[in-house]
Amino acid sequence: MSGLQPGSTGIELALAALSDAPAQFERVLAVVPPQLLTWEPPDWEAIPGERFSALGQLCHVRDIEIEGYHVRFQRMFEEERPDLASLDGYEMARRHDYARADPARAVASFRAARVETVARLRRADHRELERRGTFAEYGEVSVRGLVHILCSHDQQHLACLHWLLARIASAKAAT
């Protein structure tokens, strides 16, 4: 077992997962046929998250990182009990035109944004990690809790990518 102590909040585990996420997205996207990066299935039944193409999933995590979590963490560190809003992912997709995004640039941008997030979180002391705010449907959260929510968000969108790969593989098997 790892060096985590029983009852640990798992911040080290979460930061490691956050650090690895850009590479995970890149690995999964590498197996999506290039001509299908913007493909959308005829129906979205049972997708475990937002209805974005494979490229859209990547662009979404990049934009949520920059426009969502960078702002949320900064506000948590600087303000007393801020109210943190959810962002409309579909509006972001329209605004940033995900279908025309360059995949390599999107990965690089996500990686750079995530490095910045993790670096800031690694500099946080115990007191900063316990700062609190209210985050939309999640209710009251600490910075430490928000870190885990971000990990969960990554996993949700990786699951969406695998769901899309299942749909792609199933469509190929039927032809």
C-alpha atoms as a PDB file:
ATOM      1  CA  MET A   1       0.000   0.000   0.000  1.00  0.00           C
ATOM      2  CA  SER A   2       1.121   3.601  -0.514  1.00  0.00           C
ATOM      3  CA  GLY A   3       2.476   5.965   2.126  1.00  0.00           C
ATOM      4  CA  LEU A   4      -0.983   7.359   2.922  1.00  0.00           C
ATOM      5  CA  GLN A   5      -1.895   7.088   6.570  1.00  0.00           C
ATOM      6  CA  PRO A   6      -5.252   5.672   7.665  1.00  0.00           C
ATOM      7  CA  GLY A   7      -7.728   8.535   7.824  1.00  0.00           C
ATOM      8  CA  SER A   8      -5.598  10.644   5.478  1.00  0.00           C
ATOM      9  CA  THR A   9      -7.538  13.041   3.292  1.00  0.00           C
ATOM     10  CA  GLY A  10      -5.623  11.734   0.304  1.00  0.00           C
ATOM     11  CA  ILE A  11      -4.348  15.103  -0.914  1.00  0.00           C
ATOM     12  CA  GLU A  12      -1.115  13.479  -2.123  1.00  0.00           C
ATOM     13  CA  LEU A  13      -3.084  10.864  -4.049  1.00  0.00           C
ATOM     14  CA  ALA A  14      -5.340  13.550  -5.523  1.00  0.00           C
ATOM     15  CA  LEU A  15      -2.417  15.738  -6.604  1.00  0.00           C
ATOM     16  CA  ALA A  16      -0.737  12.758  -8.259  1.00  0.00           C
ATOM     17  CA  ALA A  17      -3.974  11.956 -10.110  1.00  0.00           C
ATOM     18  CA  LEU A  18      -4.343  15.580 -11.193  1.00  0.00           C
ATOM     19  CA  SER A  19      -0.746  15.629 -12.426  1.00  0.00           C
ATOM     20  CA  ASP A  20      -1.260  12.478 -14.484  1.00  0.00           C
ATOM     21  CA  ALA A  21      -4.605  13.488 -16.016  1.00  0.00           C
ATOM     22  CA  PRO A  22      -3.274  15.292 -19.115  1.00  0.00           C
ATOM     23  CA  ALA A  23      -1.232  12.212 -20.041  1.00  0.00           C
ATOM     24  CA  GLN A  24      -4.270   9.984 -19.467  1.00  0.00           C
ATOM     25  CA  PHE A  25      -6.390  12.125 -21.784  1.00  0.00           C
ATOM     26  CA  GLU A  26      -3.617  12.130 -24.374  1.00  0.00           C
ATOM     27  CA  ARG A  27      -3.295   8.315 -24.232  1.00  0.00           C
ATOM     28  CA  VAL A  28      -7.030   7.756 -24.661  1.00  0.00           C
ATOM     29  CA  LEU A  29      -7.325  10.335 -27.438  1.00  0.00           C
ATOM     30  CA  ALA A  30      -4.425   8.669 -29.263  1.00  0.00           C
ATOM     31  CA  VAL A  31      -6.589   5.609 -29.931  1.00  0.00           C
ATOM     32  CA  VAL A  32      -9.499   7.605 -31.327  1.00  0.00           C
ATOM     33  CA  PRO A  33      -9.218   7.509 -35.120  1.00  0.00           C
ATOM     34  CA  PRO A  34      -8.298  11.071 -36.209  1.00  0.00           C
ATOM     35  CA  GLN A  35     -11.312  11.299 -38.521  1.00  0.00           C
ATOM     36  CA  LEU A  36     -13.563  10.532 -35.534  1.00  0.00           C
ATOM     37  CA  LEU A  37     -12.226  13.106 -33.067  1.00  0.00           C
ATOM     38  CA  THR A  38     -15.292  15.294 -33.656  1.00  0.00           C
ATOM     39  CA  TRP A  39     -17.733  12.435 -34.300  1.00  0.00           C
ATOM     40  CA  GLU A  40     -20.942  12.411 -32.309  1.00  0.00           C
ATOM     41  CA  PRO A  41     -23.072   9.283 -31.978  1.00  0.00           C
ATOM     42  CA  PRO A  42     -26.664   9.233 -33.198  1.00  0.00           C
ATOM     43  CA  ASP A  43     -27.801   9.018 -29.564  1.00  0.00           C
ATOM     44  CA  TRP A  44     -26.147   9.744 -26.239  1.00  0.00           C
ATOM     45  CA  GLU A  45     -27.997   7.200 -24.104  1.00  0.00           C
ATOM     46  CA  ALA A  46     -26.031   6.259 -20.970  1.00  0.00           C
ATOM     47  CA  ILE A  47     -23.102   8.637 -21.509  1.00  0.00           C
ATOM     48  CA  PRO A  48     -21.637   9.250 -18.038  1.00  0.00           C
ATOM     49  CA  GLY A  49     -21.296  13.010 -18.533  1.00  0.00           C
ATOM     50  CA  GLU A  50     -21.698  15.834 -21.005  1.00  0.00           C
ATOM     51  CA  ARG A  51     -22.435  15.070 -24.643  1.00  0.00           C
ATOM     52  CA  PHE A  52     -19.181  16.129 -26.288  1.00  0.00           C
ATOM     53  CA  SER A  53     -17.139  14.488 -29.029  1.00  0.00           C
ATOM     54  CA  ALA A  54     -13.749  13.063 -28.030  1.00  0.00           C
ATOM     55  CA  LEU A  55     -12.076  16.359 -28.924  1.00  0.00           C
ATOM     56  CA  GLY A  56     -14.855  18.200 -27.101  1.00  0.00           C
ATOM     57  CA  GLN A  57     -14.201  16.181 -23.932  1.00  0.00           C
ATOM     58  CA  LEU A  58     -10.564  17.313 -23.990  1.00  0.00           C
ATOM     59  CA  CYS A  59     -11.448  20.932 -24.731  1.00  0.00           C
ATOM     60  CA  HIS A  60     -14.002  20.885 -21.931  1.00  0.00           C
ATOM     61  CA  VAL A  61     -11.526  19.746 -19.255  1.00  0.00           C
ATOM     62  CA  ARG A  62      -9.041  22.347 -20.511  1.00  0.00           C
ATOM     63  CA  ASP A  63     -11.583  25.166 -20.330  1.00  0.00           C
ATOM     64  CA  ILE A  64     -13.029  24.089 -16.989  1.00  0.00           C
ATOM     65  CA  GLU A  65      -9.478  24.000 -15.642  1.00  0.00           C
ATOM     66  CA  ILE A  66      -8.760  27.559 -16.763  1.00  0.00           C
ATOM     67  CA  GLU A  67     -12.112  29.307 -16.483  1.00  0.00           C
ATOM     68  CA  GLY A  68     -13.450  27.212 -13.620  1.00  0.00           C
ATOM     69  CA  TYR A  69     -10.892  25.716 -11.269  1.00  0.00           C
ATOM     70  CA  HIS A  70      -8.183  28.359 -11.582  1.00  0.00           C
ATOM     71  CA  VAL A  71     -10.766  30.967 -10.621  1.00  0.00           C
ATOM     72  CA  ARG A  72     -12.356  28.803  -7.921  1.00  0.00           C
ATOM     73  CA  PHE A  73      -9.064  27.990  -6.192  1.00  0.00           C
ATOM     74  CA  GLN A  74      -7.905  31.599  -6.387  1.00  0.00           C
ATOM     75  CA  ARG A  75     -11.157  32.792  -4.856  1.00  0.00           C
ATOM     76  CA  MET A  76     -10.967  30.128  -2.131  1.00  0.00           C
ATOM     77  CA  PHE A  77      -7.458  31.293  -1.221  1.00  0.00           C
ATOM     78  CA  GLU A  78      -8.246  35.017  -1.327  1.00  0.00           C
ATOM     79  CA  GLU A  79     -11.870  35.429  -0.205  1.00  0.00           C
ATOM     80  CA  GLU A  80     -13.785  34.486   2.920  1.00  0.00           C
ATOM     81  CA  ARG A  81     -16.284  31.746   2.060  1.00  0.00           C
ATOM     82  CA  PRO A  82     -16.832  32.616  -1.604  1.00  0.00           C
ATOM     83  CA  ASP A  83     -19.803  31.432  -3.609  1.00  0.00           C
ATOM     84  CA  LEU A  84     -18.406  29.414  -6.526  1.00  0.00           C
ATOM     85  CA  ALA A  85     -20.597  29.133  -9.581  1.00  0.00           C
ATOM     86  CA  SER A  86     -20.950  26.214 -11.957  1.00  0.00           C
ATOM     87  CA  LEU A  87     -20.140  26.950 -15.580  1.00  0.00           C
ATOM     88  CA  ASP A  88     -22.271  26.039 -18.572  1.00  0.00           C
ATOM     89  CA  GLY A  89     -20.104  23.568 -20.462  1.00  0.00           C
ATOM     90  CA  TYR A  90     -22.231  23.701 -23.593  1.00  0.00           C
ATOM     91  CA  GLU A  91     -21.957  27.503 -23.706  1.00  0.00           C
ATOM     92  CA  MET A  92     -18.179  27.183 -23.333  1.00  0.00           C
ATOM     93  CA  ALA A  93     -18.157  24.686 -26.212  1.00  0.00           C
ATOM     94  CA  ARG A  94     -20.016  27.138 -28.439  1.00  0.00           C
ATOM     95  CA  ARG A  95     -17.817  30.055 -27.411  1.00  0.00           C
ATOM     96  CA  HIS A  96     -14.555  28.140 -27.974  1.00  0.00           C
ATOM     97  CA  ASP A  97     -15.761  26.245 -31.075  1.00  0.00           C
ATOM     98  CA  TYR A  98     -14.554  22.834 -29.911  1.00  0.00           C
ATOM     99  CA  ALA A  99     -15.094  21.204 -33.302  1.00  0.00           C
ATOM    100  CA  ARG A 100     -12.371  23.423 -34.805  1.00  0.00           C
ATOM    101  CA  ALA A 101      -9.837  23.027 -31.997  1.00  0.00           C
ATOM    102  CA  ASP A 102      -6.382  21.677 -32.702  1.00  0.00           C
ATOM    103  CA  PRO A 103      -5.998  18.491 -30.589  1.00  0.00           C
ATOM    104  CA  ALA A 104      -2.266  18.937 -29.968  1.00  0.00           C
ATOM    105  CA  ARG A 105      -2.739  22.540 -28.861  1.00  0.00           C
ATOM    106  CA  ALA A 106      -5.677  21.557 -26.658  1.00  0.00           C
ATOM    107  CA  VAL A 107      -3.587  18.884 -24.895  1.00  0.00           C
ATOM    108  CA  ALA A 108      -0.650  21.283 -24.464  1.00  0.00           C
ATOM    109  CA  SER A 109      -2.921  23.987 -23.105  1.00  0.00           C
ATOM    110  CA  PHE A 110      -4.609  21.566 -20.699  1.00  0.00           C
ATOM    111  CA  ARG A 111      -1.214  20.256 -19.543  1.00  0.00           C
ATOM    112  CA  ALA A 112       0.118  23.784 -18.907  1.00  0.00           C
ATOM    113  CA  ALA A 113      -3.027  24.806 -17.036  1.00  0.00           C
ATOM    114  CA  ARG A 114      -2.923  21.657 -14.909  1.00  0.00           C
ATOM    115  CA  VAL A 115       0.765  22.174 -14.051  1.00  0.00           C
ATOM    116  CA  GLU A 116      -0.194  25.635 -12.803  1.00  0.00           C
ATOM    117  CA  THR A 117      -3.092  24.229 -10.737  1.00  0.00           C
ATOM    118  CA  VAL A 118      -0.993  21.517  -9.106  1.00  0.00           C
ATOM    119  CA  ALA A 119       1.902  23.890  -8.407  1.00  0.00           C
ATOM    120  CA  ARG A 120      -0.423  26.298  -6.596  1.00  0.00           C
ATOM    121  CA  LEU A 121      -2.008  23.495  -4.605  1.00  0.00           C
ATOM    122  CA  ARG A 122       1.397  22.089  -3.627  1.00  0.00           C
ATOM    123  CA  ARG A 123       2.324  25.510  -2.201  1.00  0.00           C
ATOM    124  CA  ALA A 124      -0.811  25.578  -0.037  1.00  0.00           C
ATOM    125  CA  ASP A 125      -0.332  25.008   3.675  1.00  0.00           C
ATOM    126  CA  HIS A 126      -2.726  23.130   5.940  1.00  0.00           C
ATOM    127  CA  ARG A 127      -4.658  26.301   6.801  1.00  0.00           C
ATOM    128  CA  GLU A 128      -5.157  27.175   3.129  1.00  0.00           C
ATOM    129  CA  LEU A 129      -6.320  23.654   2.305  1.00  0.00           C
ATOM    130  CA  GLU A 130      -9.019  23.972   4.958  1.00  0.00           C
ATOM    131  CA  ARG A 131     -10.415  27.285   3.647  1.00  0.00           C
ATOM    132  CA  ARG A 132     -14.087  26.986   2.794  1.00  0.00           C
ATOM    133  CA  GLY A 133     -16.598  28.183   0.263  1.00  0.00           C
ATOM    134  CA  THR A 134     -19.850  27.090  -1.313  1.00  0.00           C
ATOM    135  CA  PHE A 135     -19.744  25.407  -4.700  1.00  0.00           C
ATOM    136  CA  ALA A 136     -23.067  25.245  -6.551  1.00  0.00           C
ATOM    137  CA  GLU A 137     -24.749  21.857  -6.141  1.00  0.00           C
ATOM    138  CA  TYR A 138     -21.906  20.503  -3.990  1.00  0.00           C
ATOM    139  CA  GLY A 139     -22.671  22.873  -1.126  1.00  0.00           C
ATOM    140  CA  GLU A 140     -19.984  23.786   1.375  1.00  0.00           C
ATOM    141  CA  VAL A 141     -16.515  22.608   0.397  1.00  0.00           C
ATOM    142  CA  SER A 142     -12.947  23.072   1.576  1.00  0.00           C
ATOM    143  CA  VAL A 143     -10.059  23.616  -0.830  1.00  0.00           C
ATOM    144  CA  ARG A 144      -9.040  20.042  -0.038  1.00  0.00           C
ATOM    145  CA  GLY A 145     -12.548  18.871  -0.996  1.00  0.00           C
ATOM    146  CA  LEU A 146     -12.502  20.929  -4.193  1.00  0.00           C
ATOM    147  CA  VAL A 147      -9.299  19.114  -5.190  1.00  0.00           C
ATOM    148  CA  HIS A 148     -11.175  15.803  -4.997  1.00  0.00           C
ATOM    149  CA  ILE A 149     -14.096  17.236  -6.969  1.00  0.00           C
ATOM    150  CA  LEU A 150     -11.648  18.208  -9.712  1.00  0.00           C
ATOM    151  CA  CYS A 151     -10.254  14.640  -9.705  1.00  0.00           C
ATOM    152  CA  SER A 152     -13.798  13.339 -10.010  1.00  0.00           C
ATOM    153  CA  HIS A 153     -14.438  15.695 -12.934  1.00  0.00           C
ATOM    154  CA  ASP A 154     -11.379  14.336 -14.746  1.00  0.00           C
ATOM    155  CA  GLN A 155     -12.544  10.771 -14.199  1.00  0.00           C
ATOM    156  CA  GLN A 156     -16.032  11.591 -15.444  1.00  0.00           C
ATOM    157  CA  HIS A 157     -14.655  12.916 -18.721  1.00  0.00           C
ATOM    158  CA  LEU A 158     -12.215  10.025 -19.112  1.00  0.00           C
ATOM    159  CA  ALA A 159     -15.253   7.762 -18.680  1.00  0.00           C
ATOM    160  CA  CYS A 160     -17.011   9.737 -21.421  1.00  0.00           C
ATOM    161  CA  LEU A 161     -14.032   9.153 -23.717  1.00  0.00           C
ATOM    162  CA  HIS A 162     -14.167   5.418 -23.046  1.00  0.00           C
ATOM    163  CA  TRP A 163     -17.931   5.478 -23.654  1.00  0.00           C
ATOM    164  CA  LEU A 164     -17.252   7.122 -27.035  1.00  0.00           C
ATOM    165  CA  LEU A 165     -14.589   4.507 -27.809  1.00  0.00           C
ATOM    166  CA  ALA A 166     -17.152   1.798 -27.009  1.00  0.00           C
ATOM    167  CA  ARG A 167     -19.602   3.391 -29.425  1.00  0.00           C
ATOM    168  CA  ILE A 168     -16.907   3.685 -32.114  1.00  0.00           C
ATOM    169  CA  ALA A 169     -15.808   0.060 -31.629  1.00  0.00           C
ATOM    170  CA  SER A 170     -19.413  -1.165 -31.665  1.00  0.00           C
ATOM    171  CA  ALA A 171     -20.210   0.778 -34.842  1.00  0.00           C
ATOM    172  CA  LYS A 172     -17.154  -0.751 -36.561  1.00  0.00           C
ATOM    173  CA  ALA A 173     -18.152  -4.256 -35.449  1.00  0.00           C
ATOM    174  CA  ALA A 174     -21.593  -3.796 -36.987  1.00  0.00           C
ATOM    175  CA  THR A 175     -20.176  -2.839 -40.400  1.00  0.00           C
END
